PDB file of N, CA and C in Angstrom:
ATOM      1  N   MET A   1      23.029 -91.075-128.344  1.00  0.00           N
ATOM      2  CA  MET A   1      22.796 -90.034-129.305  1.00  0.00           C
ATOM      3  C   MET A   1      23.993 -89.080-129.299  1.00  0.00           C
ATOM      4  N   ILE A   2      24.378 -88.597-130.458  1.00  0.00           N
ATOM      5  CA  ILE A   2      25.527 -87.705-130.576  1.00  0.00           C
ATOM      6  C   ILE A   2      25.118 -86.308-130.128  1.00  0.00           C
ATOM      7  N   LYS A   3      25.913 -85.744-129.259  1.00  0.00           N
ATOM      8  CA  LYS A   3      25.621 -84.396-128.759  1.00  0.00           C
ATOM      9  C   LYS A   3      26.032 -83.373-129.816  1.00  0.00           C
ATOM     10  N   PRO A   4      25.346 -82.238-129.879  1.00  0.00           N
ATOM     11  CA  PRO A   4      25.660 -81.220-130.890  1.00  0.00           C
ATOM     12  C   PRO A   4      27.087 -80.699-130.789  1.00  0.00           C
ATOM     13  N   VAL A   5      27.657 -80.640-129.607  1.00  0.00           N
ATOM     14  CA  VAL A   5      29.031 -80.159-129.453  1.00  0.00           C
ATOM     15  C   VAL A   5      30.004 -81.144-130.089  1.00  0.00           C
ATOM     16  N   THR A   6      29.769 -82.440-129.908  1.00  0.00           N
ATOM     17  CA  THR A   6      30.629 -83.462-130.514  1.00  0.00           C
ATOM     18  C   THR A   6      30.512 -83.414-132.035  1.00  0.00           C
ATOM     19  N   LEU A   7      29.316 -83.242-132.531  1.00  0.00           N
ATOM     20  CA  LEU A   7      29.095 -83.150-133.974  1.00  0.00           C
ATOM     21  C   LEU A   7      29.776 -81.920-134.555  1.00  0.00           C
ATOM     22  N   ALA A   8      29.720 -80.795-133.884  1.00  0.00           N
ATOM     23  CA  ALA A   8      30.379 -79.576-134.352  1.00  0.00           C
ATOM     24  C   ALA A   8      31.890 -79.748-134.336  1.00  0.00           C
ATOM     25  N   ALA A   9      32.430 -80.374-133.319  1.00  0.00           N
ATOM     26  CA  ALA A   9      33.877 -80.604-133.240  1.00  0.00           C
ATOM     27  C   ALA A   9      34.328 -81.537-134.360  1.00  0.00           C
ATOM     28  N   LEU A  10      33.545 -82.541-134.640  1.00  0.00           N
ATOM     29  CA  LEU A  10      33.877 -83.457-135.734  1.00  0.00           C
ATOM     30  C   LEU A  10      33.854 -82.717-137.069  1.00  0.00           C
ATOM     31  N   GLY A  11      32.872 -81.857-137.279  1.00  0.00           N
ATOM     32  CA  GLY A  11      32.785 -81.078-138.521  1.00  0.00           C
ATOM     33  C   GLY A  11      33.951 -80.127-138.688  1.00  0.00           C
ATOM     34  N   LEU A  12      34.338 -79.447-137.613  1.00  0.00           N
ATOM     35  CA  LEU A  12      35.484 -78.542-137.694  1.00  0.00           C
ATOM     36  C   LEU A  12      36.782 -79.310-137.911  1.00  0.00           C
ATOM     37  N   GLY A  13      36.900 -80.468-137.302  1.00  0.00           N
ATOM     38  CA  GLY A  13      38.096 -81.295-137.488  1.00  0.00           C
ATOM     39  C   GLY A  13      38.243 -81.774-138.924  1.00  0.00           C
ATOM     40  N   LEU A  14      37.147 -82.202-139.512  1.00  0.00           N
ATOM     41  CA  LEU A  14      37.195 -82.640-140.909  1.00  0.00           C
ATOM     42  C   LEU A  14      37.372 -81.457-141.855  1.00  0.00           C
ATOM     43  N   GLY A  15      36.851 -80.300-141.498  1.00  0.00           N
ATOM     44  CA  GLY A  15      37.011 -79.107-142.324  1.00  0.00           C
ATOM     45  C   GLY A  15      38.442 -78.637-142.381  1.00  0.00           C
ATOM     46  N   ALA A  16      39.228 -78.946-141.361  1.00  0.00           N
ATOM     47  CA  ALA A  16      40.635 -78.553-141.351  1.00  0.00           C
ATOM     48  C   ALA A  16      41.443 -79.368-142.351  1.00  0.00           C
ATOM     49  N   CYS A  17      40.928 -80.515-142.786  1.00  0.00           N
ATOM     50  CA  CYS A  17      41.654 -81.375-143.729  1.00  0.00           C
ATOM     51  C   CYS A  17      41.474 -80.941-145.182  1.00  0.00           C
ATOM     52  N   VAL A  18      40.573 -80.041-145.441  1.00  0.00           N
ATOM     53  CA  VAL A  18      40.296 -79.599-146.810  1.00  0.00           C
ATOM     54  C   VAL A  18      41.387 -78.636-147.257  1.00  0.00           C
ATOM     55  N   PRO A  19      41.966 -78.835-148.442  1.00  0.00           N
ATOM     56  CA  PRO A  19      43.010 -77.918-148.910  1.00  0.00           C
ATOM     57  C   PRO A  19      42.438 -76.524-149.161  1.00  0.00           C
ATOM     58  N   THR A  20      43.250 -75.515-148.919  1.00  0.00           N
ATOM     59  CA  THR A  20      42.782 -74.138-149.073  1.00  0.00           C
ATOM     60  C   THR A  20      42.957 -73.614-150.488  1.00  0.00           C
ATOM     61  N   THR A  21      43.864 -74.176-151.264  1.00  0.00           N
ATOM     62  CA  THR A  21      44.058 -73.735-152.652  1.00  0.00           C
ATOM     63  C   THR A  21      43.408 -74.742-153.586  1.00  0.00           C
ATOM     64  N   HIS A  22      42.889 -74.235-154.679  1.00  0.00           N
ATOM     65  CA  HIS A  22      42.257 -75.107-155.663  1.00  0.00           C
ATOM     66  C   HIS A  22      43.319 -75.736-156.553  1.00  0.00           C
ATOM     67  N   PRO A  23      43.100 -76.947-157.021  1.00  0.00           N
ATOM     68  CA  PRO A  23      44.045 -77.552-157.964  1.00  0.00           C
ATOM     69  C   PRO A  23      44.124 -76.720-159.244  1.00  0.00           C
ATOM     70  N   THR A  24      45.324 -76.560-159.758  1.00  0.00           N
ATOM     71  CA  THR A  24      45.516 -75.691-160.926  1.00  0.00           C
ATOM     72  C   THR A  24      44.820 -76.226-162.175  1.00  0.00           C
ATOM     73  N   HIS A  25      44.675 -77.538-162.318  1.00  0.00           N
ATOM     74  CA  HIS A  25      44.024 -78.065-163.522  1.00  0.00           C
ATOM     75  C   HIS A  25      42.522 -77.767-163.527  1.00  0.00           C
ATOM     76  N   LEU A  26      41.947 -77.400-162.380  1.00  0.00           N
ATOM     77  CA  LEU A  26      40.532 -77.056-162.346  1.00  0.00           C
ATOM     78  C   LEU A  26      40.274 -75.584-162.626  1.00  0.00           C
ATOM     79  N   ILE A  27      41.243 -74.723-162.325  1.00  0.00           N
ATOM     80  CA  ILE A  27      41.020 -73.290-162.496  1.00  0.00           C
ATOM     81  C   ILE A  27      41.819 -72.695-163.643  1.00  0.00           C
ATOM     82  N   ALA A  28      42.658 -73.485-164.309  1.00  0.00           N
ATOM     83  CA  ALA A  28      43.465 -72.974-165.418  1.00  0.00           C
ATOM     84  C   ALA A  28      42.569 -72.710-166.629  1.00  0.00           C
ATOM     85  N   PRO A  29      42.832 -71.647-167.392  1.00  0.00           N
ATOM     86  CA  PRO A  29      42.030 -71.392-168.594  1.00  0.00           C
ATOM     87  C   PRO A  29      42.336 -72.435-169.660  1.00  0.00           C
ATOM     88  N   SER A  30      41.393 -72.649-170.531  1.00  0.00           N
ATOM     89  CA  SER A  30      41.616 -73.614-171.595  1.00  0.00           C
ATOM     90  C   SER A  30      42.605 -73.052-172.607  1.00  0.00           C
ATOM     91  N   SER A  31      43.197 -73.940-173.372  1.00  0.00           N
ATOM     92  CA  SER A  31      44.197 -73.542-174.352  1.00  0.00           C
ATOM     93  C   SER A  31      43.529 -72.784-175.501  1.00  0.00           C
ATOM     94  N   LEU A  32      44.043 -71.615-175.811  1.00  0.00           N
ATOM     95  CA  LEU A  32      43.484 -70.834-176.908  1.00  0.00           C
ATOM     96  C   LEU A  32      43.948 -71.340-178.265  1.00  0.00           C
ATOM     97  N   THR A  33      44.976 -72.177-178.293  1.00  0.00           N
ATOM     98  CA  THR A  33      45.481 -72.694-179.563  1.00  0.00           C
ATOM     99  C   THR A  33      44.889 -74.054-179.912  1.00  0.00           C
ATOM    100  N   ALA A  34      44.020 -74.570-179.080  1.00  0.00           N
ATOM    101  CA  ALA A  34      43.432 -75.884-179.341  1.00  0.00           C
ATOM    102  C   ALA A  34      42.477 -75.799-180.527  1.00  0.00           C
ATOM    103  N   ASP A  35      42.472 -76.850-181.341  1.00  0.00           N
ATOM    104  CA  ASP A  35      41.553 -76.905-182.475  1.00  0.00           C
ATOM    105  C   ASP A  35      40.145 -77.187-181.960  1.00  0.00           C
ATOM    106  N   ILE A  36      39.199 -76.388-182.413  1.00  0.00           N
ATOM    107  CA  ILE A  36      37.810 -76.542-182.004  1.00  0.00           C
ATOM    108  C   ILE A  36      36.989 -76.818-183.242  1.00  0.00           C
ATOM    109  N   ARG A  37      36.231 -77.878-183.173  1.00  0.00           N
ATOM    110  CA  ARG A  37      35.391 -78.254-184.306  1.00  0.00           C
ATOM    111  C   ARG A  37      34.140 -77.395-184.303  1.00  0.00           C
ATOM    112  N   ASP A  38      33.757 -76.918-185.491  1.00  0.00           N
ATOM    113  CA  ASP A  38      32.542 -76.136-185.634  1.00  0.00           C
ATOM    114  C   ASP A  38      31.350 -77.041-185.331  1.00  0.00           C
ATOM    115  N   PRO A  39      30.421 -76.616-184.479  1.00  0.00           N
ATOM    116  CA  PRO A  39      29.328 -77.508-184.104  1.00  0.00           C
ATOM    117  C   PRO A  39      28.399 -77.862-185.254  1.00  0.00           C
ATOM    118  N   GLY A  40      28.286 -77.014-186.256  1.00  0.00           N
ATOM    119  CA  GLY A  40      27.431 -77.308-187.399  1.00  0.00           C
ATOM    120  C   GLY A  40      25.964 -77.280-187.021  1.00  0.00           C
ATOM    121  N   TYR A  41      25.122 -77.425-187.987  1.00  0.00           N
ATOM    122  CA  TYR A  41      23.688 -77.391-187.747  1.00  0.00           C
ATOM    123  C   TYR A  41      23.074 -78.678-188.240  1.00  0.00           C
ATOM    124  N   SER A  42      22.247 -79.273-187.429  1.00  0.00           N
ATOM    125  CA  SER A  42      21.463 -80.416-187.871  1.00  0.00           C
ATOM    126  C   SER A  42      20.047 -80.238-187.331  1.00  0.00           C
ATOM    127  N   THR A  43      19.092 -80.566-188.144  1.00  0.00           N
ATOM    128  CA  THR A  43      17.703 -80.389-187.738  1.00  0.00           C
ATOM    129  C   THR A  43      17.323 -81.446-186.709  1.00  0.00           C
ATOM    130  N   VAL A  44      16.258 -81.179-186.017  1.00  0.00           N
ATOM    131  CA  VAL A  44      15.782 -82.115-184.997  1.00  0.00           C
ATOM    132  C   VAL A  44      15.311 -83.406-185.646  1.00  0.00           C
ATOM    133  N   THR A  45      14.788 -83.322-186.853  1.00  0.00           N
ATOM    134  CA  THR A  45      14.242 -84.496-187.526  1.00  0.00           C
ATOM    135  C   THR A  45      15.241 -85.146-188.473  1.00  0.00           C
ATOM    136  N   ALA A  46      16.534 -84.873-188.332  1.00  0.00           N
ATOM    137  CA  ALA A  46      17.529 -85.468-189.217  1.00  0.00           C
ATOM    138  C   ALA A  46      17.584 -86.973-188.982  1.00  0.00           C
ATOM    139  N   GLY A  47      17.537 -87.749-190.039  1.00  0.00           N
ATOM    140  CA  GLY A  47      17.629 -89.198-189.947  1.00  0.00           C
ATOM    141  C   GLY A  47      16.323 -89.908-189.633  1.00  0.00           C
ATOM    142  N   ILE A  48      15.215 -89.202-189.637  1.00  0.00           N
ATOM    143  CA  ILE A  48      13.924 -89.818-189.343  1.00  0.00           C
ATOM    144  C   ILE A  48      13.365 -90.422-190.619  1.00  0.00           C
ATOM    145  N   ARG A  49      12.876 -91.636-190.524  1.00  0.00           N
ATOM    146  CA  ARG A  49      12.244 -92.282-191.673  1.00  0.00           C
ATOM    147  C   ARG A  49      10.736 -92.081-191.624  1.00  0.00           C
ATOM    148  N   ASN A  50      10.131 -92.156-192.764  1.00  0.00           N
ATOM    149  CA  ASN A  50       8.693 -92.033-192.856  1.00  0.00           C
ATOM    150  C   ASN A  50       8.097 -93.441-192.866  1.00  0.00           C
ATOM    151  N   TYR A  51       7.339 -93.780-191.852  1.00  0.00           N
ATOM    152  CA  TYR A  51       6.736 -95.106-191.740  1.00  0.00           C
ATOM    153  C   TYR A  51       5.234 -95.003-191.999  1.00  0.00           C
ATOM    154  N   ASP A  52       4.875 -94.811-193.267  1.00  0.00           N
ATOM    155  CA  ASP A  52       3.467 -94.744-193.633  1.00  0.00           C
ATOM    156  C   ASP A  52       2.899 -96.153-193.757  1.00  0.00           C
ATOM    157  N   VAL A  53       1.599 -96.231-193.731  1.00  0.00           N
ATOM    158  CA  VAL A  53       0.912 -97.504-193.898  1.00  0.00           C
ATOM    159  C   VAL A  53       1.026 -97.919-195.358  1.00  0.00           C
ATOM    160  N   VAL A  54       1.369 -99.177-195.592  1.00  0.00           N
ATOM    161  CA  VAL A  54       1.501 -99.697-196.953  1.00  0.00           C
ATOM    162  C   VAL A  54       0.508-100.833-197.148  1.00  0.00           C
ATOM    163  N   GLU A  55       0.378-101.261-198.387  1.00  0.00           N
ATOM    164  CA  GLU A  55      -0.517-102.375-198.693  1.00  0.00           C
ATOM    165  C   GLU A  55       0.095-103.667-198.171  1.00  0.00           C
ATOM    166  N   PRO A  56      -0.736-104.642-197.804  1.00  0.00           N
ATOM    167  CA  PRO A  56      -0.202-105.924-197.350  1.00  0.00           C
ATOM    168  C   PRO A  56       0.511-106.645-198.491  1.00  0.00           C
ATOM    169  N   LEU A  57       1.602-107.311-198.167  1.00  0.00           N
ATOM    170  CA  LEU A  57       2.372-108.054-199.156  1.00  0.00           C
ATOM    171  C   LEU A  57       2.303-109.540-198.847  1.00  0.00           C
ATOM    172  N   ASP A  58       2.708-110.341-199.804  1.00  0.00           N
ATOM    173  CA  ASP A  58       2.744-111.788-199.635  1.00  0.00           C
ATOM    174  C   ASP A  58       3.824-112.132-198.612  1.00  0.00           C
ATOM    175  N   TRP A  59       3.492-112.895-197.578  1.00  0.00           N
ATOM    176  CA  TRP A  59       4.452-113.177-196.516  1.00  0.00           C
ATOM    177  C   TRP A  59       5.582-114.071-196.987  1.00  0.00           C
ATOM    178  N   LEU A  60       5.351-114.922-197.987  1.00  0.00           N
ATOM    179  CA  LEU A  60       6.442-115.749-198.521  1.00  0.00           C
ATOM    180  C   LEU A  60       7.495-114.873-199.208  1.00  0.00           C
ATOM    181  N   GLU A  61       7.023-113.892-199.965  1.00  0.00           N
ATOM    182  CA  GLU A  61       7.952-112.991-200.649  1.00  0.00           C
ATOM    183  C   GLU A  61       8.714-112.136-199.633  1.00  0.00           C
ATOM    184  N   MET A  62       8.037-111.684-198.591  1.00  0.00           N
ATOM    185  CA  MET A  62       8.717-110.906-197.555  1.00  0.00           C
ATOM    186  C   MET A  62       9.788-111.741-196.862  1.00  0.00           C
ATOM    187  N   ASN A  63       9.513-112.997-196.591  1.00  0.00           N
ATOM    188  CA  ASN A  63      10.511-113.878-195.977  1.00  0.00           C
ATOM    189  C   ASN A  63      11.698-114.089-196.907  1.00  0.00           C
ATOM    190  N   ARG A  64      11.445-114.194-198.206  1.00  0.00           N
ATOM    191  CA  ARG A  64      12.545-114.356-199.158  1.00  0.00           C
ATOM    192  C   ARG A  64      13.443-113.118-199.177  1.00  0.00           C
ATOM    193  N   ARG A  65      12.851-111.932-199.041  1.00  0.00           N
ATOM    194  CA  ARG A  65      13.638-110.701-199.078  1.00  0.00           C
ATOM    195  C   ARG A  65      14.561-110.568-197.878  1.00  0.00           C
ATOM    196  N   VAL A  66      14.131-111.019-196.724  1.00  0.00           N
ATOM    197  CA  VAL A  66      14.929-110.840-195.515  1.00  0.00           C
ATOM    198  C   VAL A  66      15.758-112.061-195.153  1.00  0.00           C
ATOM    199  N   ALA A  67      15.648-113.138-195.907  1.00  0.00           N
ATOM    200  CA  ALA A  67      16.415-114.350-195.606  1.00  0.00           C
ATOM    201  C   ALA A  67      17.901-114.090-195.839  1.00  0.00           C
ATOM    202  N   PRO A  68      18.762-114.608-194.959  1.00  0.00           N
ATOM    203  CA  PRO A  68      20.201-114.399-195.145  1.00  0.00           C
ATOM    204  C   PRO A  68      20.713-115.172-196.357  1.00  0.00           C
ATOM    205  N   GLY A  69      21.458-114.507-197.208  1.00  0.00           N
ATOM    206  CA  GLY A  69      22.093-115.138-198.354  1.00  0.00           C
ATOM    207  C   GLY A  69      21.171-115.382-199.533  1.00  0.00           C
ATOM    208  N   ALA A  70      19.926-115.047-199.440  1.00  0.00           N
ATOM    209  CA  ALA A  70      19.008-115.271-200.557  1.00  0.00           C
ATOM    210  C   ALA A  70      18.908-114.001-201.393  1.00  0.00           C
ATOM    211  N   ASN A  71      18.889-114.178-202.697  1.00  0.00           N
ATOM    212  CA  ASN A  71      18.735-113.052-203.597  1.00  0.00           C
ATOM    213  C   ASN A  71      17.404-113.241-204.323  1.00  0.00           C
ATOM    214  N   PRO A  72      16.376-112.470-203.962  1.00  0.00           N
ATOM    215  CA  PRO A  72      15.058-112.688-204.561  1.00  0.00           C
ATOM    216  C   PRO A  72      15.023-112.403-206.056  1.00  0.00           C
ATOM    217  N   GLU A  73      15.957-111.585-206.559  1.00  0.00           N
ATOM    218  CA  GLU A  73      15.978-111.313-207.991  1.00  0.00           C
ATOM    219  C   GLU A  73      16.450-112.536-208.775  1.00  0.00           C
ATOM    220  N   ARG A  74      17.339-113.331-208.168  1.00  0.00           N
ATOM    221  CA  ARG A  74      17.836-114.525-208.854  1.00  0.00           C
ATOM    222  C   ARG A  74      16.955-115.734-208.602  1.00  0.00           C
ATOM    223  N   GLY A  75      16.121-115.697-207.591  1.00  0.00           N
ATOM    224  CA  GLY A  75      15.247-116.827-207.294  1.00  0.00           C
ATOM    225  C   GLY A  75      15.961-117.949-206.569  1.00  0.00           C
ATOM    226  N   ASP A  76      17.007-117.658-205.790  1.00  0.00           N
ATOM    227  CA  ASP A  76      17.757-118.713-205.109  1.00  0.00           C
ATOM    228  C   ASP A  76      17.343-118.848-203.640  1.00  0.00           C
ATOM    229  N   SER A  77      16.064-118.904-203.387  1.00  0.00           N
ATOM    230  CA  SER A  77      15.600-119.088-202.019  1.00  0.00           C
ATOM    231  C   SER A  77      15.380-120.567-201.754  1.00  0.00           C
ATOM    232  N   ASP A  78      15.089-120.927-200.510  1.00  0.00           N
ATOM    233  CA  ASP A  78      14.828-122.320-200.163  1.00  0.00           C
ATOM    234  C   ASP A  78      13.534-122.811-200.793  1.00  0.00           C
ATOM    235  N   ASP A  79      12.627-121.907-201.071  1.00  0.00           N
ATOM    236  CA  ASP A  79      11.361-122.265-201.664  1.00  0.00           C
ATOM    237  C   ASP A  79      11.567-122.857-203.070  1.00  0.00           C
ATOM    238  N   ALA A  80      12.561-122.365-203.785  1.00  0.00           N
ATOM    239  CA  ALA A  80      12.846-122.880-205.133  1.00  0.00           C
ATOM    240  C   ALA A  80      13.322-124.329-205.052  1.00  0.00           C
ATOM    241  N   ALA A  81      14.083-124.684-204.002  1.00  0.00           N
ATOM    242  CA  ALA A  81      14.555-126.059-203.857  1.00  0.00           C
ATOM    243  C   ALA A  81      13.396-126.992-203.554  1.00  0.00           C
ATOM    244  N   ARG A  82      12.422-126.532-202.804  1.00  0.00           N
ATOM    245  CA  ARG A  82      11.270-127.371-202.488  1.00  0.00           C
ATOM    246  C   ARG A  82      10.395-127.604-203.704  1.00  0.00           C
ATOM    247  N   ARG A  83      10.414-126.684-204.636  1.00  0.00           N
ATOM    248  CA  ARG A  83       9.589-126.840-205.831  1.00  0.00           C
ATOM    249  C   ARG A  83      10.265-127.708-206.886  1.00  0.00           C
ATOM    250  N   GLY A  84      11.532-128.098-206.636  1.00  0.00           N
ATOM    251  CA  GLY A  84      12.219-129.005-207.544  1.00  0.00           C
ATOM    252  C   GLY A  84      12.958-128.312-208.665  1.00  0.00           C
ATOM    253  N   ARG A  85      13.361-127.086-208.498  1.00  0.00           N
ATOM    254  CA  ARG A  85      14.120-126.392-209.548  1.00  0.00           C
ATOM    255  C   ARG A  85      15.556-126.803-209.517  1.00  0.00           C
TER     256      ARG A  85
END
């Protein structure tokens, strides 16, 4: 077990290694000529969408809307090819 005298001597020895002056980049004042962006105001609810309950839709039509490369207004989905158009 470490004796308290040895522990105190170790602490004082390590404390002697600490620099006495602070680094200048930590205590220097910030530049007064630096450009500062105005923080502006934004509400807490900015960008929130309203997700209300909607009526159920046809799942085939929903799949056509989210399919990559399909344009539901033109009718160029895979379903049209299966129907023989």
